[in-house]
Amino acid sequence: MQRTVIAIALLMAGTPHARLGAQSPRTLREMLIGTWRFVAAKQRLTDGSVRPDPQPGAHGVGYIMYDATGHMCVVLANPDRPAWKSPKSPTDAEVRSAFDGLVAYCGAYETNEGKHYVIHHVEADREPAIMGTDRIRLAAIVGKRLVLQPRDLPTGVAEWTVEFERVGVDTSASRHP
């Protein structure tokens, strides 16, 4: 009996399928699935200066979520926006400030594993003209951190980095180049 158990264990250890399963890295798509809390967003301008992303600002809050069905949603807000003096009848300037300090969109997503990016197919957005467009983000996941780098840069921005931290799951062993 003991020899049989040892023989089975040796066979299992030498089976290519068993070894591949343990060594296969997870895909970017698999690693994206979950909820990520906003940490910071910075833009390096063409003049070399660095600033916080103006929409969520220096103290931004929010989340991005990816699910296994290929859908995503993101909401980021600038908590430093002024409160409306009269919530039932804000001024035009207060409404503009609220709008300008908000990132909110959702839709389907897909990944390009070879080039390490995610494409957000925008189905709903705070800004109607963005609906139906794609947002391409270079994506890197190291441990509990997700760093997205938008490819569609605004005028005057040379580099844009948006960082998130995974919520609720210990992924310290996960790595993606």
C-alpha atoms as a PDB file:
ATOM      1  CA  MET A   1       0.000   0.000   0.000  1.00  0.00           C
ATOM      2  CA  GLN A   2       2.751   2.429   0.967  1.00  0.00           C
ATOM      3  CA  ARG A   3       4.629   1.648  -2.273  1.00  0.00           C
ATOM      4  CA  THR A   4       1.455   2.355  -4.273  1.00  0.00           C
ATOM      5  CA  VAL A   5       0.991   5.752  -2.619  1.00  0.00           C
ATOM      6  CA  ILE A   6       4.639   6.638  -3.261  1.00  0.00           C
ATOM      7  CA  ALA A   7       4.386   5.497  -6.891  1.00  0.00           C
ATOM      8  CA  ILE A   8       1.236   7.610  -7.463  1.00  0.00           C
ATOM      9  CA  ALA A   9       2.875  10.627  -5.834  1.00  0.00           C
ATOM     10  CA  LEU A  10       5.946  10.253  -8.051  1.00  0.00           C
ATOM     11  CA  LEU A  11       3.788   9.902 -11.167  1.00  0.00           C
ATOM     12  CA  MET A  12       1.762  13.004 -10.266  1.00  0.00           C
ATOM     13  CA  ALA A  13       4.916  15.021  -9.622  1.00  0.00           C
ATOM     14  CA  GLY A  14       6.278  14.060 -13.027  1.00  0.00           C
ATOM     15  CA  THR A  15       3.072  14.712 -14.978  1.00  0.00           C
ATOM     16  CA  PRO A  16       3.554  17.702 -17.284  1.00  0.00           C
ATOM     17  CA  HIS A  17      -0.060  18.847 -16.751  1.00  0.00           C
ATOM     18  CA  ALA A  18       0.394  19.031 -12.983  1.00  0.00           C
ATOM     19  CA  ARG A  19       3.615  21.029 -13.322  1.00  0.00           C
ATOM     20  CA  LEU A  20       2.186  23.458 -15.892  1.00  0.00           C
ATOM     21  CA  GLY A  21      -0.860  24.213 -13.761  1.00  0.00           C
ATOM     22  CA  ALA A  22       1.284  25.236 -10.827  1.00  0.00           C
ATOM     23  CA  GLN A  23       3.684  27.343 -12.923  1.00  0.00           C
ATOM     24  CA  SER A  24       1.249  29.094 -15.282  1.00  0.00           C
ATOM     25  CA  PRO A  25       1.095  32.819 -14.619  1.00  0.00           C
ATOM     26  CA  ARG A  26      -2.356  34.320 -14.362  1.00  0.00           C
ATOM     27  CA  THR A  27      -3.492  36.501 -17.238  1.00  0.00           C
ATOM     28  CA  LEU A  28      -3.896  40.250 -16.972  1.00  0.00           C
ATOM     29  CA  ARG A  29      -7.639  39.773 -17.413  1.00  0.00           C
ATOM     30  CA  GLU A  30      -7.813  37.326 -14.498  1.00  0.00           C
ATOM     31  CA  MET A  31      -5.727  39.600 -12.312  1.00  0.00           C
ATOM     32  CA  LEU A  32      -7.871  42.682 -13.055  1.00  0.00           C
ATOM     33  CA  ILE A  33     -11.067  41.077 -11.757  1.00  0.00           C
ATOM     34  CA  GLY A  34     -12.143  42.675  -8.513  1.00  0.00           C
ATOM     35  CA  THR A  35     -12.525  46.050  -6.853  1.00  0.00           C
ATOM     36  CA  TRP A  36      -9.701  48.562  -6.718  1.00  0.00           C
ATOM     37  CA  ARG A  37      -9.627  51.719  -4.531  1.00  0.00           C
ATOM     38  CA  PHE A  38      -8.212  54.902  -6.053  1.00  0.00           C
ATOM     39  CA  VAL A  39      -4.821  55.917  -4.630  1.00  0.00           C
ATOM     40  CA  ALA A  40      -3.573  58.773  -6.843  1.00  0.00           C
ATOM     41  CA  ALA A  41      -3.424  60.123 -10.377  1.00  0.00           C
ATOM     42  CA  LYS A  42      -0.557  62.255 -11.632  1.00  0.00           C
ATOM     43  CA  GLN A  43       0.174  63.950 -14.904  1.00  0.00           C
ATOM     44  CA  ARG A  44       3.589  64.943 -16.174  1.00  0.00           C
ATOM     45  CA  LEU A  45       3.119  67.892 -18.479  1.00  0.00           C
ATOM     46  CA  THR A  46       5.066  68.565 -21.667  1.00  0.00           C
ATOM     47  CA  ASP A  47       6.967  71.334 -19.847  1.00  0.00           C
ATOM     48  CA  GLY A  48       8.266  68.739 -17.342  1.00  0.00           C
ATOM     49  CA  SER A  49       6.130  69.819 -14.376  1.00  0.00           C
ATOM     50  CA  VAL A  50       3.997  67.297 -12.487  1.00  0.00           C
ATOM     51  CA  ARG A  51       0.493  67.840 -11.149  1.00  0.00           C
ATOM     52  CA  PRO A  52      -2.330  65.770  -9.707  1.00  0.00           C
ATOM     53  CA  ASP A  53      -4.957  64.799 -12.273  1.00  0.00           C
ATOM     54  CA  PRO A  54      -7.304  67.822 -12.189  1.00  0.00           C
ATOM     55  CA  GLN A  55     -10.519  65.781 -12.142  1.00  0.00           C
ATOM     56  CA  PRO A  56     -10.059  63.740  -8.930  1.00  0.00           C
ATOM     57  CA  GLY A  57      -7.516  66.273  -7.643  1.00  0.00           C
ATOM     58  CA  ALA A  58      -4.807  65.767  -5.046  1.00  0.00           C
ATOM     59  CA  HIS A  59      -7.133  64.010  -2.574  1.00  0.00           C
ATOM     60  CA  GLY A  60      -9.317  62.052  -5.002  1.00  0.00           C
ATOM     61  CA  VAL A  61     -11.522  59.166  -3.911  1.00  0.00           C
ATOM     62  CA  GLY A  62     -13.191  56.389  -5.845  1.00  0.00           C
ATOM     63  CA  TYR A  63     -13.076  52.892  -7.245  1.00  0.00           C
ATOM     64  CA  ILE A  64     -12.630  50.925 -10.442  1.00  0.00           C
ATOM     65  CA  MET A  65     -14.209  47.492 -10.736  1.00  0.00           C
ATOM     66  CA  TYR A  66     -13.694  44.716 -13.264  1.00  0.00           C
ATOM     67  CA  ASP A  67     -15.890  41.613 -13.352  1.00  0.00           C
ATOM     68  CA  ALA A  68     -15.422  38.172 -14.879  1.00  0.00           C
ATOM     69  CA  THR A  69     -18.070  38.816 -17.566  1.00  0.00           C
ATOM     70  CA  GLY A  70     -15.898  41.510 -19.161  1.00  0.00           C
ATOM     71  CA  HIS A  71     -17.578  44.598 -17.693  1.00  0.00           C
ATOM     72  CA  MET A  72     -16.069  47.481 -15.756  1.00  0.00           C
ATOM     73  CA  CYS A  73     -17.105  50.638 -13.969  1.00  0.00           C
ATOM     74  CA  VAL A  74     -15.115  53.545 -12.541  1.00  0.00           C
ATOM     75  CA  VAL A  75     -16.101  56.514 -10.386  1.00  0.00           C
ATOM     76  CA  LEU A  76     -13.504  58.992  -9.155  1.00  0.00           C
ATOM     77  CA  ALA A  77     -14.372  62.241  -7.409  1.00  0.00           C
ATOM     78  CA  ASN A  78     -12.562  65.284  -6.122  1.00  0.00           C
ATOM     79  CA  PRO A  79     -13.653  65.634  -2.476  1.00  0.00           C
ATOM     80  CA  ASP A  80     -12.336  69.206  -2.434  1.00  0.00           C
ATOM     81  CA  ARG A  81     -15.132  70.419  -4.727  1.00  0.00           C
ATOM     82  CA  PRO A  82     -17.170  73.112  -2.995  1.00  0.00           C
ATOM     83  CA  ALA A  83     -20.454  72.013  -1.447  1.00  0.00           C
ATOM     84  CA  TRP A  84     -23.544  73.536  -3.001  1.00  0.00           C
ATOM     85  CA  LYS A  85     -24.940  76.337  -0.859  1.00  0.00           C
ATOM     86  CA  SER A  86     -28.447  75.344  -1.909  1.00  0.00           C
ATOM     87  CA  PRO A  87     -28.564  71.639  -2.881  1.00  0.00           C
ATOM     88  CA  LYS A  88     -31.948  72.056  -4.606  1.00  0.00           C
ATOM     89  CA  SER A  89     -30.785  74.972  -6.736  1.00  0.00           C
ATOM     90  CA  PRO A  90     -27.017  75.029  -7.282  1.00  0.00           C
ATOM     91  CA  THR A  91     -25.448  77.849  -9.221  1.00  0.00           C
ATOM     92  CA  ASP A  92     -24.052  77.226 -12.699  1.00  0.00           C
ATOM     93  CA  ALA A  93     -20.531  77.497 -11.261  1.00  0.00           C
ATOM     94  CA  GLU A  94     -21.318  74.885  -8.573  1.00  0.00           C
ATOM     95  CA  VAL A  95     -22.712  72.469 -11.166  1.00  0.00           C
ATOM     96  CA  ARG A  96     -19.664  73.023 -13.392  1.00  0.00           C
ATOM     97  CA  SER A  97     -17.327  72.361 -10.453  1.00  0.00           C
ATOM     98  CA  ALA A  98     -19.177  69.147  -9.602  1.00  0.00           C
ATOM     99  CA  PHE A  99     -19.014  68.004 -13.228  1.00  0.00           C
ATOM    100  CA  ASP A 100     -15.339  68.910 -13.665  1.00  0.00           C
ATOM    101  CA  GLY A 101     -14.332  67.066 -10.483  1.00  0.00           C
ATOM    102  CA  LEU A 102     -15.861  63.744 -11.491  1.00  0.00           C
ATOM    103  CA  VAL A 103     -14.782  60.771 -13.593  1.00  0.00           C
ATOM    104  CA  ALA A 104     -17.617  58.290 -14.111  1.00  0.00           C
ATOM    105  CA  TYR A 105     -18.011  55.703 -16.840  1.00  0.00           C
ATOM    106  CA  CYS A 106     -18.734  52.030 -17.416  1.00  0.00           C
ATOM    107  CA  GLY A 107     -18.918  49.463 -20.172  1.00  0.00           C
ATOM    108  CA  ALA A 108     -17.261  46.327 -21.472  1.00  0.00           C
ATOM    109  CA  TYR A 109     -13.519  45.770 -21.367  1.00  0.00           C
ATOM    110  CA  GLU A 110     -10.954  43.551 -23.027  1.00  0.00           C
ATOM    111  CA  THR A 111      -7.255  42.986 -22.497  1.00  0.00           C
ATOM    112  CA  ASN A 112      -4.291  42.652 -24.817  1.00  0.00           C
ATOM    113  CA  GLU A 113      -2.097  40.205 -22.924  1.00  0.00           C
ATOM    114  CA  GLY A 114       0.943  40.647 -25.175  1.00  0.00           C
ATOM    115  CA  LYS A 115       1.017  44.444 -24.970  1.00  0.00           C
ATOM    116  CA  HIS A 116      -0.221  44.587 -21.342  1.00  0.00           C
ATOM    117  CA  TYR A 117      -3.127  46.931 -21.841  1.00  0.00           C
ATOM    118  CA  VAL A 118      -6.827  47.039 -21.143  1.00  0.00           C
ATOM    119  CA  ILE A 119      -9.384  48.667 -23.426  1.00  0.00           C
ATOM    120  CA  HIS A 120     -12.464  50.186 -21.788  1.00  0.00           C
ATOM    121  CA  HIS A 121     -15.357  50.226 -24.285  1.00  0.00           C
ATOM    122  CA  VAL A 122     -17.325  53.163 -22.874  1.00  0.00           C
ATOM    123  CA  GLU A 123     -21.074  52.557 -22.877  1.00  0.00           C
ATOM    124  CA  ALA A 124     -22.062  55.216 -20.315  1.00  0.00           C
ATOM    125  CA  ASP A 125     -20.116  58.325 -19.313  1.00  0.00           C
ATOM    126  CA  ARG A 126     -20.752  61.569 -17.453  1.00  0.00           C
ATOM    127  CA  GLU A 127     -19.971  63.285 -20.749  1.00  0.00           C
ATOM    128  CA  PRO A 128     -22.300  62.194 -23.604  1.00  0.00           C
ATOM    129  CA  ALA A 129     -19.668  62.660 -26.349  1.00  0.00           C
ATOM    130  CA  ILE A 130     -17.456  59.966 -24.739  1.00  0.00           C
ATOM    131  CA  MET A 131     -20.126  57.264 -24.965  1.00  0.00           C
ATOM    132  CA  GLY A 132     -19.291  54.720 -27.666  1.00  0.00           C
ATOM    133  CA  THR A 133     -15.547  55.413 -27.568  1.00  0.00           C
ATOM    134  CA  ASP A 134     -12.649  53.297 -26.331  1.00  0.00           C
ATOM    135  CA  ARG A 135     -10.166  54.192 -23.613  1.00  0.00           C
ATOM    136  CA  ILE A 136      -6.846  52.346 -23.842  1.00  0.00           C
ATOM    137  CA  ARG A 137      -4.838  51.930 -20.644  1.00  0.00           C
ATOM    138  CA  LEU A 138      -1.408  50.356 -20.284  1.00  0.00           C
ATOM    139  CA  ALA A 139      -1.860  48.141 -17.199  1.00  0.00           C
ATOM    140  CA  ALA A 140       0.615  46.819 -14.643  1.00  0.00           C
ATOM    141  CA  ILE A 141      -0.279  44.853 -11.518  1.00  0.00           C
ATOM    142  CA  VAL A 142       2.265  44.320  -8.778  1.00  0.00           C
ATOM    143  CA  GLY A 143       0.987  42.786  -5.569  1.00  0.00           C
ATOM    144  CA  LYS A 144      -2.045  44.794  -4.469  1.00  0.00           C
ATOM    145  CA  ARG A 145      -1.368  47.732  -6.821  1.00  0.00           C
ATOM    146  CA  LEU A 146      -2.852  48.414 -10.244  1.00  0.00           C
ATOM    147  CA  VAL A 147      -1.244  51.161 -12.311  1.00  0.00           C
ATOM    148  CA  LEU A 148      -3.049  52.367 -15.421  1.00  0.00           C
ATOM    149  CA  GLN A 149      -1.459  54.703 -17.943  1.00  0.00           C
ATOM    150  CA  PRO A 150      -3.951  56.250 -20.360  1.00  0.00           C
ATOM    151  CA  ARG A 151      -2.844  56.338 -23.971  1.00  0.00           C
ATOM    152  CA  ASP A 152      -5.328  59.060 -24.979  1.00  0.00           C
ATOM    153  CA  LEU A 153      -3.486  62.011 -23.463  1.00  0.00           C
ATOM    154  CA  PRO A 154      -4.983  65.497 -23.175  1.00  0.00           C
ATOM    155  CA  THR A 155      -3.184  68.390 -24.837  1.00  0.00           C
ATOM    156  CA  GLY A 156      -0.114  69.396 -22.836  1.00  0.00           C
ATOM    157  CA  VAL A 157       0.146  66.066 -20.954  1.00  0.00           C
ATOM    158  CA  ALA A 158       3.203  63.892 -21.710  1.00  0.00           C
ATOM    159  CA  GLU A 159       2.469  61.069 -19.239  1.00  0.00           C
ATOM    160  CA  TRP A 160      -0.512  60.164 -17.066  1.00  0.00           C
ATOM    161  CA  THR A 161      -0.471  57.561 -14.294  1.00  0.00           C
ATOM    162  CA  VAL A 162      -3.510  56.399 -12.313  1.00  0.00           C
ATOM    163  CA  GLU A 163      -2.885  54.103  -9.334  1.00  0.00           C
ATOM    164  CA  PHE A 164      -5.295  51.847  -7.438  1.00  0.00           C
ATOM    165  CA  GLU A 165      -5.031  49.361  -4.584  1.00  0.00           C
ATOM    166  CA  ARG A 166      -6.961  46.077  -4.522  1.00  0.00           C
ATOM    167  CA  VAL A 167      -9.788  45.943  -1.997  1.00  0.00           C
ATOM    168  CA  GLY A 168     -10.402  42.909   0.174  1.00  0.00           C
ATOM    169  CA  VAL A 169      -8.158  40.237  -1.373  1.00  0.00           C
ATOM    170  CA  ASP A 170      -4.564  39.435  -0.503  1.00  0.00           C
ATOM    171  CA  THR A 171      -2.735  39.259  -3.842  1.00  0.00           C
ATOM    172  CA  SER A 172       0.783  39.834  -2.625  1.00  0.00           C
ATOM    173  CA  ALA A 173       2.036  36.900  -4.729  1.00  0.00           C
ATOM    174  CA  SER A 174       0.435  38.211  -7.968  1.00  0.00           C
ATOM    175  CA  ARG A 175       2.763  39.836 -10.442  1.00  0.00           C
ATOM    176  CA  HIS A 176       2.408  41.055 -13.998  1.00  0.00           C
ATOM    177  CA  PRO A 177       5.144  42.784 -16.000  1.00  0.00           C
END
